[in-house]
Amino acid sequence: MTRLPVEPGPDHPITIEAGTARVTARVGDTVIADTTSALTLREASYPPVHYIPLKDVDPSVLRESPTLTYCPYKGDASYYHLALDGQELTDAVWTYRTPYPAVTSIADHVAFYPDRVTVEEEPAAG
C-alpha cells in the first residue's frame, strides 16, 4: 500500500515553533531530558506537544521498541521504551526519524506520552 503525505491546511493546521525556554521531561523525580531547544508542535485541536532533541535525552533510559505507527501528516513514527528504576514504560516515547517535508524540523526529536512522562516548560523570566 502506497502512503502519500497529506499536507496540513486550514482543516488540519500544523505549526512548529522553536522555543528558548527550558523544557524538562521526568519520570517521577528522575530527569530524563533537559533542553532549551525544544520545538512545540501544534496540530489541529490536539494539545501542543514538545519535541525535544534526541541529543538532550539521557540515552541510558531509552530502549528501542518494535512498535511503528503512521500519521498521514507526519509520516512513520518509531518508539522507545523507557527503562529506569527497575521498571520499563512501554512505548512512552515517539519519534519521526524521516518526517514528511511539512514537519521536517521534528527529525532527530522525540516526544513523550503525558500519561507516563511529565514534560514541563519553565516560565520565561520576566
PDB file of N, CA and C in Angstrom:
ATOM      1  N   MET A   1       0.846  -1.177   0.000  1.00  0.00           N
ATOM      2  CA  MET A   1       0.000   0.000   0.000  1.00  0.00           C
ATOM      3  C   MET A   1       0.894   1.244   0.000  1.00  0.00           C
ATOM      4  N   THR A   2       0.663   2.122  -0.936  1.00  0.00           N
ATOM      5  CA  THR A   2       1.405   3.373  -1.019  1.00  0.00           C
ATOM      6  C   THR A   2       0.753   4.406  -0.113  1.00  0.00           C
ATOM      7  N   ARG A   3       1.585   5.040   0.685  1.00  0.00           N
ATOM      8  CA  ARG A   3       1.087   6.092   1.576  1.00  0.00           C
ATOM      9  C   ARG A   3       1.620   7.423   1.086  1.00  0.00           C
ATOM     10  N   LEU A   4       0.704   8.318   0.813  1.00  0.00           N
ATOM     11  CA  LEU A   4       1.095   9.642   0.358  1.00  0.00           C
ATOM     12  C   LEU A   4       0.892  10.648   1.477  1.00  0.00           C
ATOM     13  N   PRO A   5       1.815  11.590   1.615  1.00  0.00           N
ATOM     14  CA  PRO A   5       1.649  12.600   2.661  1.00  0.00           C
ATOM     15  C   PRO A   5       0.405  13.450   2.417  1.00  0.00           C
ATOM     16  N   VAL A   6      -0.216  13.842   3.505  1.00  0.00           N
ATOM     17  CA  VAL A   6      -1.317  14.795   3.453  1.00  0.00           C
ATOM     18  C   VAL A   6      -0.769  16.118   3.974  1.00  0.00           C
ATOM     19  N   GLU A   7      -0.921  17.163   3.201  1.00  0.00           N
ATOM     20  CA  GLU A   7      -0.411  18.476   3.587  1.00  0.00           C
ATOM     21  C   GLU A   7      -1.307  19.109   4.644  1.00  0.00           C
ATOM     22  N   PRO A   8      -0.726  19.648   5.693  1.00  0.00           N
ATOM     23  CA  PRO A   8      -1.528  20.418   6.641  1.00  0.00           C
ATOM     24  C   PRO A   8      -2.188  21.591   5.914  1.00  0.00           C
ATOM     25  N   GLY A   9      -3.357  21.972   6.386  1.00  0.00           N
ATOM     26  CA  GLY A   9      -4.066  23.081   5.762  1.00  0.00           C
ATOM     27  C   GLY A   9      -5.091  23.639   6.726  1.00  0.00           C
ATOM     28  N   PRO A  10      -6.001  24.460   6.238  1.00  0.00           N
ATOM     29  CA  PRO A  10      -6.975  25.109   7.118  1.00  0.00           C
ATOM     30  C   PRO A  10      -7.836  24.125   7.911  1.00  0.00           C
ATOM     31  N   ASP A  11      -8.116  22.955   7.315  1.00  0.00           N
ATOM     32  CA  ASP A  11      -8.944  21.971   8.020  1.00  0.00           C
ATOM     33  C   ASP A  11      -8.132  21.132   9.020  1.00  0.00           C
ATOM     34  N   HIS A  12      -6.809  21.135   8.890  1.00  0.00           N
ATOM     35  CA  HIS A  12      -5.924  20.393   9.802  1.00  0.00           C
ATOM     36  C   HIS A  12      -4.578  21.115   9.855  1.00  0.00           C
ATOM     37  N   PRO A  13      -4.536  22.262  10.545  1.00  0.00           N
ATOM     38  CA  PRO A  13      -3.279  23.028  10.584  1.00  0.00           C
ATOM     39  C   PRO A  13      -2.236  22.382  11.494  1.00  0.00           C
ATOM     40  N   ILE A  14      -0.994  22.542  11.110  1.00  0.00           N
ATOM     41  CA  ILE A  14       0.138  22.130  11.944  1.00  0.00           C
ATOM     42  C   ILE A  14       1.146  23.271  11.922  1.00  0.00           C
ATOM     43  N   THR A  15       1.552  23.711  13.106  1.00  0.00           N
ATOM     44  CA  THR A  15       2.609  24.709  13.210  1.00  0.00           C
ATOM     45  C   THR A  15       3.686  24.174  14.143  1.00  0.00           C
ATOM     46  N   ILE A  16       4.907  24.591  13.896  1.00  0.00           N
ATOM     47  CA  ILE A  16       6.042  24.198  14.729  1.00  0.00           C
ATOM     48  C   ILE A  16       6.811  25.458  15.080  1.00  0.00           C
ATOM     49  N   GLU A  17       7.002  25.665  16.374  1.00  0.00           N
ATOM     50  CA  GLU A  17       7.724  26.843  16.847  1.00  0.00           C
ATOM     51  C   GLU A  17       8.949  26.423  17.633  1.00  0.00           C
ATOM     52  N   ALA A  18      10.073  27.076  17.354  1.00  0.00           N
ATOM     53  CA  ALA A  18      11.286  26.841  18.138  1.00  0.00           C
ATOM     54  C   ALA A  18      11.163  27.615  19.440  1.00  0.00           C
ATOM     55  N   GLY A  19      11.525  26.962  20.525  1.00  0.00           N
ATOM     56  CA  GLY A  19      11.458  27.613  21.822  1.00  0.00           C
ATOM     57  C   GLY A  19      12.834  27.910  22.362  1.00  0.00           C
ATOM     58  N   THR A  20      12.872  28.780  23.366  1.00  0.00           N
ATOM     59  CA  THR A  20      14.130  29.074  24.052  1.00  0.00           C
ATOM     60  C   THR A  20      14.000  28.803  25.545  1.00  0.00           C
ATOM     61  N   ALA A  21      12.786  28.531  25.995  1.00  0.00           N
ATOM     62  CA  ALA A  21      12.575  28.226  27.410  1.00  0.00           C
ATOM     63  C   ALA A  21      13.160  26.856  27.728  1.00  0.00           C
ATOM     64  N   ARG A  22      13.469  26.643  28.965  1.00  0.00           N
ATOM     65  CA  ARG A  22      13.967  25.342  29.410  1.00  0.00           C
ATOM     66  C   ARG A  22      12.793  24.377  29.529  1.00  0.00           C
ATOM     67  N   VAL A  23      12.937  23.209  28.899  1.00  0.00           N
ATOM     68  CA  VAL A  23      11.929  22.156  28.945  1.00  0.00           C
ATOM     69  C   VAL A  23      12.586  20.917  29.527  1.00  0.00           C
ATOM     70  N   THR A  24      11.937  20.338  30.525  1.00  0.00           N
ATOM     71  CA  THR A  24      12.433  19.102  31.119  1.00  0.00           C
ATOM     72  C   THR A  24      11.382  18.011  30.991  1.00  0.00           C
ATOM     73  N   ALA A  25      11.867  16.784  30.937  1.00  0.00           N
ATOM     74  CA  ALA A  25      10.996  15.612  30.962  1.00  0.00           C
ATOM     75  C   ALA A  25      11.474  14.743  32.110  1.00  0.00           C
ATOM     76  N   ARG A  26      10.521  14.255  32.911  1.00  0.00           N
ATOM     77  CA  ARG A  26      10.904  13.426  34.054  1.00  0.00           C
ATOM     78  C   ARG A  26       9.904  12.315  34.259  1.00  0.00           C
ATOM     79  N   VAL A  27      10.435  11.259  34.841  1.00  0.00           N
ATOM     80  CA  VAL A  27       9.616  10.151  35.312  1.00  0.00           C
ATOM     81  C   VAL A  27       9.813  10.142  36.818  1.00  0.00           C
ATOM     82  N   GLY A  28       8.747  10.446  37.542  1.00  0.00           N
ATOM     83  CA  GLY A  28       8.881  10.625  38.984  1.00  0.00           C
ATOM     84  C   GLY A  28       9.827  11.784  39.244  1.00  0.00           C
ATOM     85  N   ASP A  29      10.873  11.537  40.030  1.00  0.00           N
ATOM     86  CA  ASP A  29      11.863  12.574  40.335  1.00  0.00           C
ATOM     87  C   ASP A  29      13.075  12.534  39.413  1.00  0.00           C
ATOM     88  N   THR A  30      13.098  11.588  38.467  1.00  0.00           N
ATOM     89  CA  THR A  30      14.262  11.411  37.600  1.00  0.00           C
ATOM     90  C   THR A  30      14.114  12.211  36.315  1.00  0.00           C
ATOM     91  N   VAL A  31      15.021  13.158  36.099  1.00  0.00           N
ATOM     92  CA  VAL A  31      15.031  13.938  34.861  1.00  0.00           C
ATOM     93  C   VAL A  31      15.642  13.073  33.768  1.00  0.00           C
ATOM     94  N   ILE A  32      14.904  12.901  32.675  1.00  0.00           N
ATOM     95  CA  ILE A  32      15.396  12.089  31.561  1.00  0.00           C
ATOM     96  C   ILE A  32      15.720  12.937  30.331  1.00  0.00           C
ATOM     97  N   ALA A  33      15.284  14.208  30.347  1.00  0.00           N
ATOM     98  CA  ALA A  33      15.612  15.120  29.254  1.00  0.00           C
ATOM     99  C   ALA A  33      15.601  16.547  29.790  1.00  0.00           C
ATOM    100  N   ASP A  34      16.506  17.352  29.254  1.00  0.00           N
ATOM    101  CA  ASP A  34      16.631  18.750  29.684  1.00  0.00           C
ATOM    102  C   ASP A  34      17.170  19.532  28.489  1.00  0.00           C
ATOM    103  N   THR A  35      16.426  20.549  28.053  1.00  0.00           N
ATOM    104  CA  THR A  35      16.831  21.271  26.851  1.00  0.00           C
ATOM    105  C   THR A  35      16.322  22.706  26.863  1.00  0.00           C
ATOM    106  N   THR A  36      16.973  23.540  26.083  1.00  0.00           N
ATOM    107  CA  THR A  36      16.458  24.865  25.764  1.00  0.00           C
ATOM    108  C   THR A  36      16.210  24.956  24.257  1.00  0.00           C
ATOM    109  N   SER A  37      16.158  23.800  23.605  1.00  0.00           N
ATOM    110  CA  SER A  37      15.987  23.745  22.148  1.00  0.00           C
ATOM    111  C   SER A  37      14.758  22.948  21.731  1.00  0.00           C
ATOM    112  N   ALA A  38      13.757  22.883  22.572  1.00  0.00           N
ATOM    113  CA  ALA A  38      12.549  22.131  22.231  1.00  0.00           C
ATOM    114  C   ALA A  38      11.770  22.843  21.128  1.00  0.00           C
ATOM    115  N   LEU A  39      11.054  22.053  20.372  1.00  0.00           N
ATOM    116  CA  LEU A  39      10.103  22.561  19.394  1.00  0.00           C
ATOM    117  C   LEU A  39       8.703  22.300  19.933  1.00  0.00           C
ATOM    118  N   THR A  40       7.786  23.212  19.697  1.00  0.00           N
ATOM    119  CA  THR A  40       6.399  22.997  20.095  1.00  0.00           C
ATOM    120  C   THR A  40       5.567  22.816  18.840  1.00  0.00           C
ATOM    121  N   LEU A  41       4.971  21.635  18.715  1.00  0.00           N
ATOM    122  CA  LEU A  41       4.130  21.326  17.573  1.00  0.00           C
ATOM    123  C   LEU A  41       2.675  21.469  17.993  1.00  0.00           C
ATOM    124  N   ARG A  42       1.949  22.265  17.232  1.00  0.00           N
ATOM    125  CA  ARG A  42       0.504  22.419  17.441  1.00  0.00           C
ATOM    126  C   ARG A  42      -0.186  21.845  16.212  1.00  0.00           C
ATOM    127  N   GLU A  43      -1.075  20.897  16.461  1.00  0.00           N
ATOM    128  CA  GLU A  43      -1.749  20.199  15.370  1.00  0.00           C
ATOM    129  C   GLU A  43      -3.255  20.204  15.600  1.00  0.00           C
ATOM    130  N   ALA A  44      -3.952  20.852  14.677  1.00  0.00           N
ATOM    131  CA  ALA A  44      -5.416  20.911  14.717  1.00  0.00           C
ATOM    132  C   ALA A  44      -5.880  21.247  16.130  1.00  0.00           C
ATOM    133  N   SER A  45      -6.798  20.441  16.682  1.00  0.00           N
ATOM    134  CA  SER A  45      -7.341  20.736  18.013  1.00  0.00           C
ATOM    135  C   SER A  45      -6.651  19.940  19.125  1.00  0.00           C
ATOM    136  N   TYR A  46      -5.559  19.244  18.796  1.00  0.00           N
ATOM    137  CA  TYR A  46      -4.826  18.470  19.803  1.00  0.00           C
ATOM    138  C   TYR A  46      -4.034  19.401  20.720  1.00  0.00           C
ATOM    139  N   PRO A  47      -3.747  18.946  21.949  1.00  0.00           N
ATOM    140  CA  PRO A  47      -2.890  19.764  22.822  1.00  0.00           C
ATOM    141  C   PRO A  47      -1.494  19.910  22.207  1.00  0.00           C
ATOM    142  N   PRO A  48      -0.817  21.026  22.462  1.00  0.00           N
ATOM    143  CA  PRO A  48       0.558  21.197  21.954  1.00  0.00           C
ATOM    144  C   PRO A  48       1.478  20.104  22.496  1.00  0.00           C
ATOM    145  N   VAL A  49       2.460  19.738  21.687  1.00  0.00           N
ATOM    146  CA  VAL A  49       3.430  18.704  22.064  1.00  0.00           C
ATOM    147  C   VAL A  49       4.834  19.278  21.935  1.00  0.00           C
ATOM    148  N   HIS A  50       5.635  19.107  23.006  1.00  0.00           N
ATOM    149  CA  HIS A  50       7.045  19.492  22.954  1.00  0.00           C
ATOM    150  C   HIS A  50       7.839  18.348  22.333  1.00  0.00           C
ATOM    151  N   TYR A  51       8.598  18.664  21.301  1.00  0.00           N
ATOM    152  CA  TYR A  51       9.543  17.726  20.700  1.00  0.00           C
ATOM    153  C   TYR A  51      10.928  18.148  21.161  1.00  0.00           C
ATOM    154  N   ILE A  52      11.598  17.244  21.853  1.00  0.00           N
ATOM    155  CA  ILE A  52      12.900  17.521  22.463  1.00  0.00           C
ATOM    156  C   ILE A  52      13.995  16.872  21.612  1.00  0.00           C
ATOM    157  N   PRO A  53      15.086  17.599  21.349  1.00  0.00           N
ATOM    158  CA  PRO A  53      16.173  16.983  20.581  1.00  0.00           C
ATOM    159  C   PRO A  53      16.633  15.678  21.244  1.00  0.00           C
ATOM    160  N   LEU A  54      16.788  14.644  20.432  1.00  0.00           N
ATOM    161  CA  LEU A  54      17.212  13.351  20.954  1.00  0.00           C
ATOM    162  C   LEU A  54      18.539  13.467  21.695  1.00  0.00           C
ATOM    163  N   LYS A  55      19.409  14.369  21.267  1.00  0.00           N
ATOM    164  CA  LYS A  55      20.715  14.538  21.919  1.00  0.00           C
ATOM    165  C   LYS A  55      20.581  15.061  23.351  1.00  0.00           C
ATOM    166  N   ASP A  56      19.407  15.610  23.700  1.00  0.00           N
ATOM    167  CA  ASP A  56      19.188  16.141  25.045  1.00  0.00           C
ATOM    168  C   ASP A  56      18.418  15.175  25.951  1.00  0.00           C
ATOM    169  N   VAL A  57      18.271  13.941  25.492  1.00  0.00           N
ATOM    170  CA  VAL A  57      17.613  12.890  26.278  1.00  0.00           C
ATOM    171  C   VAL A  57      18.689  11.942  26.794  1.00  0.00           C
ATOM    172  N   ASP A  58      18.559  11.521  28.043  1.00  0.00           N
ATOM    173  CA  ASP A  58      19.503  10.576  28.636  1.00  0.00           C
ATOM    174  C   ASP A  58      19.431   9.255  27.860  1.00  0.00           C
ATOM    175  N   PRO A  59      20.474   8.910  27.101  1.00  0.00           N
ATOM    176  CA  PRO A  59      20.413   7.699  26.276  1.00  0.00           C
ATOM    177  C   PRO A  59      20.346   6.407  27.095  1.00  0.00           C
ATOM    178  N   SER A  60      20.757   6.467  28.358  1.00  0.00           N
ATOM    179  CA  SER A  60      20.766   5.246  29.170  1.00  0.00           C
ATOM    180  C   SER A  60      19.357   4.743  29.505  1.00  0.00           C
ATOM    181  N   VAL A  61      18.335   5.590  29.335  1.00  0.00           N
ATOM    182  CA  VAL A  61      16.971   5.165  29.668  1.00  0.00           C
ATOM    183  C   VAL A  61      16.176   4.720  28.443  1.00  0.00           C
ATOM    184  N   LEU A  62      16.720   4.918  27.245  1.00  0.00           N
ATOM    185  CA  LEU A  62      15.989   4.589  26.021  1.00  0.00           C
ATOM    186  C   LEU A  62      16.246   3.161  25.567  1.00  0.00           C
ATOM    187  N   ARG A  63      15.168   2.474  25.230  1.00  0.00           N
ATOM    188  CA  ARG A  63      15.250   1.124  24.665  1.00  0.00           C
ATOM    189  C   ARG A  63      14.406   1.116  23.395  1.00  0.00           C
ATOM    190  N   GLU A  64      15.022   0.725  22.280  1.00  0.00           N
ATOM    191  CA  GLU A  64      14.284   0.660  21.008  1.00  0.00           C
ATOM    192  C   GLU A  64      13.063  -0.239  21.149  1.00  0.00           C
ATOM    193  N   SER A  65      11.974   0.169  20.558  1.00  0.00           N
ATOM    194  CA  SER A  65      10.746  -0.613  20.539  1.00  0.00           C
ATOM    195  C   SER A  65      10.470  -1.050  19.099  1.00  0.00           C
ATOM    196  N   PRO A  66       9.849  -2.207  18.915  1.00  0.00           N
ATOM    197  CA  PRO A  66       9.488  -2.616  17.558  1.00  0.00           C
ATOM    198  C   PRO A  66       8.226  -1.920  17.032  1.00  0.00           C
ATOM    199  N   THR A  67       7.559  -1.154  17.887  1.00  0.00           N
ATOM    200  CA  THR A  67       6.303  -0.521  17.511  1.00  0.00           C
ATOM    201  C   THR A  67       6.516   0.563  16.455  1.00  0.00           C
ATOM    202  N   LEU A  68       5.660   0.551  15.450  1.00  0.00           N
ATOM    203  CA  LEU A  68       5.641   1.573  14.409  1.00  0.00           C
ATOM    204  C   LEU A  68       4.188   1.991  14.205  1.00  0.00           C
ATOM    205  N   THR A  69       3.969   3.284  14.017  1.00  0.00           N
ATOM    206  CA  THR A  69       2.644   3.771  13.663  1.00  0.00           C
ATOM    207  C   THR A  69       2.798   4.746  12.509  1.00  0.00           C
ATOM    208  N   TYR A  70       1.671   5.167  11.966  1.00  0.00           N
ATOM    209  CA  TYR A  70       1.691   6.051  10.810  1.00  0.00           C
ATOM    210  C   TYR A  70       0.749   7.221  11.017  1.00  0.00           C
ATOM    211  N   CYS A  71       1.206   8.407  10.640  1.00  0.00           N
ATOM    212  CA  CYS A  71       0.387   9.614  10.622  1.00  0.00           C
ATOM    213  C   CYS A  71       0.431  10.162   9.198  1.00  0.00           C
ATOM    214  N   PRO A  72      -0.709  10.393   8.572  1.00  0.00           N
ATOM    215  CA  PRO A  72      -0.676  10.880   7.192  1.00  0.00           C
ATOM    216  C   PRO A  72      -0.080  12.287   7.059  1.00  0.00           C
ATOM    217  N   TYR A  73       0.010  13.027   8.164  1.00  0.00           N
ATOM    218  CA  TYR A  73       0.576  14.376   8.130  1.00  0.00           C
ATOM    219  C   TYR A  73       2.060  14.414   8.463  1.00  0.00           C
ATOM    220  N   LYS A  74       2.521  13.442   9.256  1.00  0.00           N
ATOM    221  CA  LYS A  74       3.911  13.478   9.731  1.00  0.00           C
ATOM    222  C   LYS A  74       4.754  12.304   9.227  1.00  0.00           C
ATOM    223  N   GLY A  75       4.145  11.168   8.927  1.00  0.00           N
ATOM    224  CA  GLY A  75       4.891  10.022   8.423  1.00  0.00           C
ATOM    225  C   GLY A  75       4.907   8.872   9.405  1.00  0.00           C
ATOM    226  N   ASP A  76       5.951   8.042   9.307  1.00  0.00           N
ATOM    227  CA  ASP A  76       6.087   6.852  10.154  1.00  0.00           C
ATOM    228  C   ASP A  76       6.733   7.217  11.480  1.00  0.00           C
ATOM    229  N   ALA A  77       6.102   6.792  12.565  1.00  0.00           N
ATOM    230  CA  ALA A  77       6.640   7.036  13.910  1.00  0.00           C
ATOM    231  C   ALA A  77       7.262   5.754  14.445  1.00  0.00           C
ATOM    232  N   SER A  78       8.411   5.911  15.072  1.00  0.00           N
ATOM    233  CA  SER A  78       9.090   4.838  15.790  1.00  0.00           C
ATOM    234  C   SER A  78       8.995   5.143  17.277  1.00  0.00           C
ATOM    235  N   TYR A  79       9.199   4.118  18.102  1.00  0.00           N
ATOM    236  CA  TYR A  79       9.005   4.281  19.539  1.00  0.00           C
ATOM    237  C   TYR A  79      10.197   3.785  20.336  1.00  0.00           C
ATOM    238  N   TYR A  80      10.256   4.286  21.569  1.00  0.00           N
ATOM    239  CA  TYR A  80      11.215   3.818  22.564  1.00  0.00           C
ATOM    240  C   TYR A  80      10.435   3.463  23.827  1.00  0.00           C
ATOM    241  N   HIS A  81      10.937   2.449  24.524  1.00  0.00           N
ATOM    242  CA  HIS A  81      10.509   2.194  25.900  1.00  0.00           C
ATOM    243  C   HIS A  81      11.451   3.007  26.782  1.00  0.00           C
ATOM    244  N   LEU A  82      11.007   3.328  27.988  1.00  0.00           N
ATOM    245  CA  LEU A  82      11.876   3.959  28.977  1.00  0.00           C
ATOM    246  C   LEU A  82      12.167   2.938  30.069  1.00  0.00           C
ATOM    247  N   ALA A  83      13.435   2.734  30.351  1.00  0.00           N
ATOM    248  CA  ALA A  83      13.847   1.786  31.389  1.00  0.00           C
ATOM    249  C   ALA A  83      14.580   2.556  32.481  1.00  0.00           C
ATOM    250  N   LEU A  84      13.983   2.575  33.679  1.00  0.00           N
ATOM    251  CA  LEU A  84      14.638   3.215  34.817  1.00  0.00           C
ATOM    252  C   LEU A  84      14.005   2.743  36.108  1.00  0.00           C
ATOM    253  N   ASP A  85      14.825   2.743  37.141  1.00  0.00           N
ATOM    254  CA  ASP A  85      14.378   2.330  38.474  1.00  0.00           C
ATOM    255  C   ASP A  85      13.713   0.952  38.462  1.00  0.00           C
ATOM    256  N   GLY A  86      14.260   0.047  37.661  1.00  0.00           N
ATOM    257  CA  GLY A  86      13.746  -1.314  37.645  1.00  0.00           C
ATOM    258  C   GLY A  86      12.414  -1.492  36.944  1.00  0.00           C
ATOM    259  N   GLN A  87      11.940  -0.462  36.269  1.00  0.00           N
ATOM    260  CA  GLN A  87      10.678  -0.594  35.537  1.00  0.00           C
ATOM    261  C   GLN A  87      10.878  -0.212  34.079  1.00  0.00           C
ATOM    262  N   GLU A  88       9.973  -0.662  33.241  1.00  0.00           N
ATOM    263  CA  GLU A  88      10.007  -0.287  31.833  1.00  0.00           C
ATOM    264  C   GLU A  88       8.658   0.303  31.468  1.00  0.00           C
ATOM    265  N   LEU A  89       8.688   1.504  30.924  1.00  0.00           N
ATOM    266  CA  LEU A  89       7.481   2.166  30.442  1.00  0.00           C
ATOM    267  C   LEU A  89       7.403   1.925  28.933  1.00  0.00           C
ATOM    268  N   THR A  90       6.474   1.088  28.533  1.00  0.00           N
ATOM    269  CA  THR A  90       6.365   0.639  27.155  1.00  0.00           C
ATOM    270  C   THR A  90       5.920   1.766  26.229  1.00  0.00           C
ATOM    271  N   ASP A  91       6.654   1.932  25.147  1.00  0.00           N
ATOM    272  CA  ASP A  91       6.294   2.889  24.093  1.00  0.00           C
ATOM    273  C   ASP A  91       5.938   4.269  24.646  1.00  0.00           C
ATOM    274  N   ALA A  92       6.728   4.758  25.571  1.00  0.00           N
ATOM    275  CA  ALA A  92       6.459   6.056  26.206  1.00  0.00           C
ATOM    276  C   ALA A  92       6.985   7.229  25.394  1.00  0.00           C
ATOM    277  N   VAL A  93       7.802   6.954  24.391  1.00  0.00           N
ATOM    278  CA  VAL A  93       8.477   7.987  23.617  1.00  0.00           C
ATOM    279  C   VAL A  93       8.280   7.684  22.134  1.00  0.00           C
ATOM    280  N   TRP A  94       8.015   8.725  21.344  1.00  0.00           N
ATOM    281  CA  TRP A  94       7.935   8.507  19.902  1.00  0.00           C
ATOM    282  C   TRP A  94       8.789   9.518  19.159  1.00  0.00           C
ATOM    283  N   THR A  95       9.138   9.148  17.939  1.00  0.00           N
ATOM    284  CA  THR A  95       9.947   9.999  17.085  1.00  0.00           C
ATOM    285  C   THR A  95       9.586   9.745  15.630  1.00  0.00           C
ATOM    286  N   TYR A  96       9.725  10.771  14.826  1.00  0.00           N
ATOM    287  CA  TYR A  96       9.587  10.651  13.371  1.00  0.00           C
ATOM    288  C   TYR A  96      10.985  10.805  12.805  1.00  0.00           C
ATOM    289  N   ARG A  97      11.616   9.690  12.474  1.00  0.00           N
ATOM    290  CA  ARG A  97      13.015   9.736  12.024  1.00  0.00           C
ATOM    291  C   ARG A  97      13.163  10.413  10.671  1.00  0.00           C
ATOM    292  N   THR A  98      12.201  10.180   9.787  1.00  0.00           N
ATOM    293  CA  THR A  98      12.199  10.841   8.476  1.00  0.00           C
ATOM    294  C   THR A  98      10.795  11.411   8.236  1.00  0.00           C
ATOM    295  N   PRO A  99      10.480  12.498   8.925  1.00  0.00           N
ATOM    296  CA  PRO A  99       9.134  13.065   8.810  1.00  0.00           C
ATOM    297  C   PRO A  99       8.888  13.645   7.412  1.00  0.00           C
ATOM    298  N   TYR A 100       7.619  13.789   7.100  1.00  0.00           N
ATOM    299  CA  TYR A 100       7.236  14.401   5.834  1.00  0.00           C
ATOM    300  C   TYR A 100       7.752  15.841   5.764  1.00  0.00           C
ATOM    301  N   PRO A 101       7.908  16.376   4.549  1.00  0.00           N
ATOM    302  CA  PRO A 101       8.500  17.707   4.377  1.00  0.00           C
ATOM    303  C   PRO A 101       7.829  18.830   5.180  1.00  0.00           C
ATOM    304  N   ALA A 102       6.525  18.775   5.363  1.00  0.00           N
ATOM    305  CA  ALA A 102       5.832  19.855   6.081  1.00  0.00           C
ATOM    306  C   ALA A 102       6.254  19.963   7.540  1.00  0.00           C
ATOM    307  N   VAL A 103       6.817  18.870   8.087  1.00  0.00           N
ATOM    308  CA  VAL A 103       7.205  18.853   9.506  1.00  0.00           C
ATOM    309  C   VAL A 103       8.643  18.375   9.676  1.00  0.00           C
ATOM    310  N   THR A 104       9.462  18.596   8.677  1.00  0.00           N
ATOM    311  CA  THR A 104      10.829  18.075   8.686  1.00  0.00           C
ATOM    312  C   THR A 104      11.644  18.508   9.901  1.00  0.00           C
ATOM    313  N   SER A 105      11.307  19.630  10.505  1.00  0.00           N
ATOM    314  CA  SER A 105      12.097  20.121  11.639  1.00  0.00           C
ATOM    315  C   SER A 105      11.994  19.234  12.877  1.00  0.00           C
ATOM    316  N   ILE A 106      11.013  18.318  12.935  1.00  0.00           N
ATOM    317  CA  ILE A 106      10.932  17.434  14.110  1.00  0.00           C
ATOM    318  C   ILE A 106      11.824  16.199  13.985  1.00  0.00           C
ATOM    319  N   ALA A 107      12.535  16.055  12.869  1.00  0.00           N
ATOM    320  CA  ALA A 107      13.509  14.960  12.752  1.00  0.00           C
ATOM    321  C   ALA A 107      14.536  15.116  13.867  1.00  0.00           C
ATOM    322  N   ASP A 108      15.029  14.003  14.371  1.00  0.00           N
ATOM    323  CA  ASP A 108      16.034  13.988  15.445  1.00  0.00           C
ATOM    324  C   ASP A 108      15.491  14.553  16.759  1.00  0.00           C
ATOM    325  N   HIS A 109      14.179  14.561  16.917  1.00  0.00           N
ATOM    326  CA  HIS A 109      13.499  14.995  18.140  1.00  0.00           C
ATOM    327  C   HIS A 109      12.580  13.873  18.611  1.00  0.00           C
ATOM    328  N   VAL A 110      12.266  13.882  19.891  1.00  0.00           N
ATOM    329  CA  VAL A 110      11.334  12.899  20.451  1.00  0.00           C
ATOM    330  C   VAL A 110      10.254  13.621  21.242  1.00  0.00           C
ATOM    331  N   ALA A 111       9.144  12.928  21.406  1.00  0.00           N
ATOM    332  CA  ALA A 111       8.045  13.435  22.232  1.00  0.00           C
ATOM    333  C   ALA A 111       7.651  12.329  23.210  1.00  0.00           C
ATOM    334  N   PHE A 112       7.011  12.721  24.294  1.00  0.00           N
ATOM    335  CA  PHE A 112       6.695  11.801  25.386  1.00  0.00           C
ATOM    336  C   PHE A 112       5.189  11.775  25.637  1.00  0.00           C
ATOM    337  N   TYR A 113       4.660  10.587  25.926  1.00  0.00           N
ATOM    338  CA  TYR A 113       3.254  10.476  26.297  1.00  0.00           C
ATOM    339  C   TYR A 113       3.050  11.085  27.680  1.00  0.00           C
ATOM    340  N   PRO A 114       2.143  12.050  27.788  1.00  0.00           N
ATOM    341  CA  PRO A 114       1.981  12.784  29.051  1.00  0.00           C
ATOM    342  C   PRO A 114       1.402  11.956  30.195  1.00  0.00           C
ATOM    343  N   ASP A 115       0.832  10.802  29.904  1.00  0.00           N
ATOM    344  CA  ASP A 115       0.339   9.952  30.987  1.00  0.00           C
ATOM    345  C   ASP A 115       1.459   9.118  31.609  1.00  0.00           C
ATOM    346  N   ARG A 116       2.664   9.164  31.021  1.00  0.00           N
ATOM    347  CA  ARG A 116       3.795   8.387  31.533  1.00  0.00           C
ATOM    348  C   ARG A 116       5.004   9.229  31.883  1.00  0.00           C
ATOM    349  N   VAL A 117       5.096  10.410  31.266  1.00  0.00           N
ATOM    350  CA  VAL A 117       6.256  11.285  31.456  1.00  0.00           C
ATOM    351  C   VAL A 117       5.732  12.709  31.685  1.00  0.00           C
ATOM    352  N   THR A 118       6.292  13.378  32.674  1.00  0.00           N
ATOM    353  CA  THR A 118       5.930  14.769  32.943  1.00  0.00           C
ATOM    354  C   THR A 118       6.867  15.680  32.171  1.00  0.00           C
ATOM    355  N   VAL A 119       6.310  16.470  31.274  1.00  0.00           N
ATOM    356  CA  VAL A 119       7.090  17.422  30.487  1.00  0.00           C
ATOM    357  C   VAL A 119       6.670  18.813  30.938  1.00  0.00           C
ATOM    358  N   GLU A 120       7.669  19.596  31.356  1.00  0.00           N
ATOM    359  CA  GLU A 120       7.378  20.932  31.887  1.00  0.00           C
ATOM    360  C   GLU A 120       8.261  21.966  31.213  1.00  0.00           C
ATOM    361  N   GLU A 121       7.658  23.113  30.940  1.00  0.00           N
ATOM    362  CA  GLU A 121       8.380  24.250  30.411  1.00  0.00           C
ATOM    363  C   GLU A 121       8.474  25.298  31.513  1.00  0.00           C
ATOM    364  N   GLU A 122       9.701  25.737  31.789  1.00  0.00           N
ATOM    365  CA  GLU A 122       9.882  26.793  32.793  1.00  0.00           C
ATOM    366  C   GLU A 122       9.344  28.091  32.233  1.00  0.00           C
ATOM    367  N   PRO A 123       8.629  28.848  33.041  1.00  0.00           N
ATOM    368  CA  PRO A 123       8.147  30.140  32.573  1.00  0.00           C
ATOM    369  C   PRO A 123       9.324  31.060  32.270  1.00  0.00           C
ATOM    370  N   ALA A 124       9.133  31.889  31.266  1.00  0.00           N
ATOM    371  CA  ALA A 124      10.177  32.850  30.910  1.00  0.00           C
ATOM    372  C   ALA A 124      10.392  33.833  32.042  1.00  0.00           C
ATOM    373  N   ALA A 125      11.651  34.176  32.263  1.00  0.00           N
ATOM    374  CA  ALA A 125      11.964  35.168  33.308  1.00  0.00           C
ATOM    375  C   ALA A 125      11.423  36.520  32.873  1.00  0.00           C
ATOM    376  N   GLY A 126      10.880  37.226  33.799  1.00  0.00           N
ATOM    377  CA  GLY A 126      10.314  38.493  33.378  1.00  0.00           C
ATOM    378  C   GLY A 126      10.160  39.376  34.478  1.00  0.00           C
TER     379      GLY A 126
END
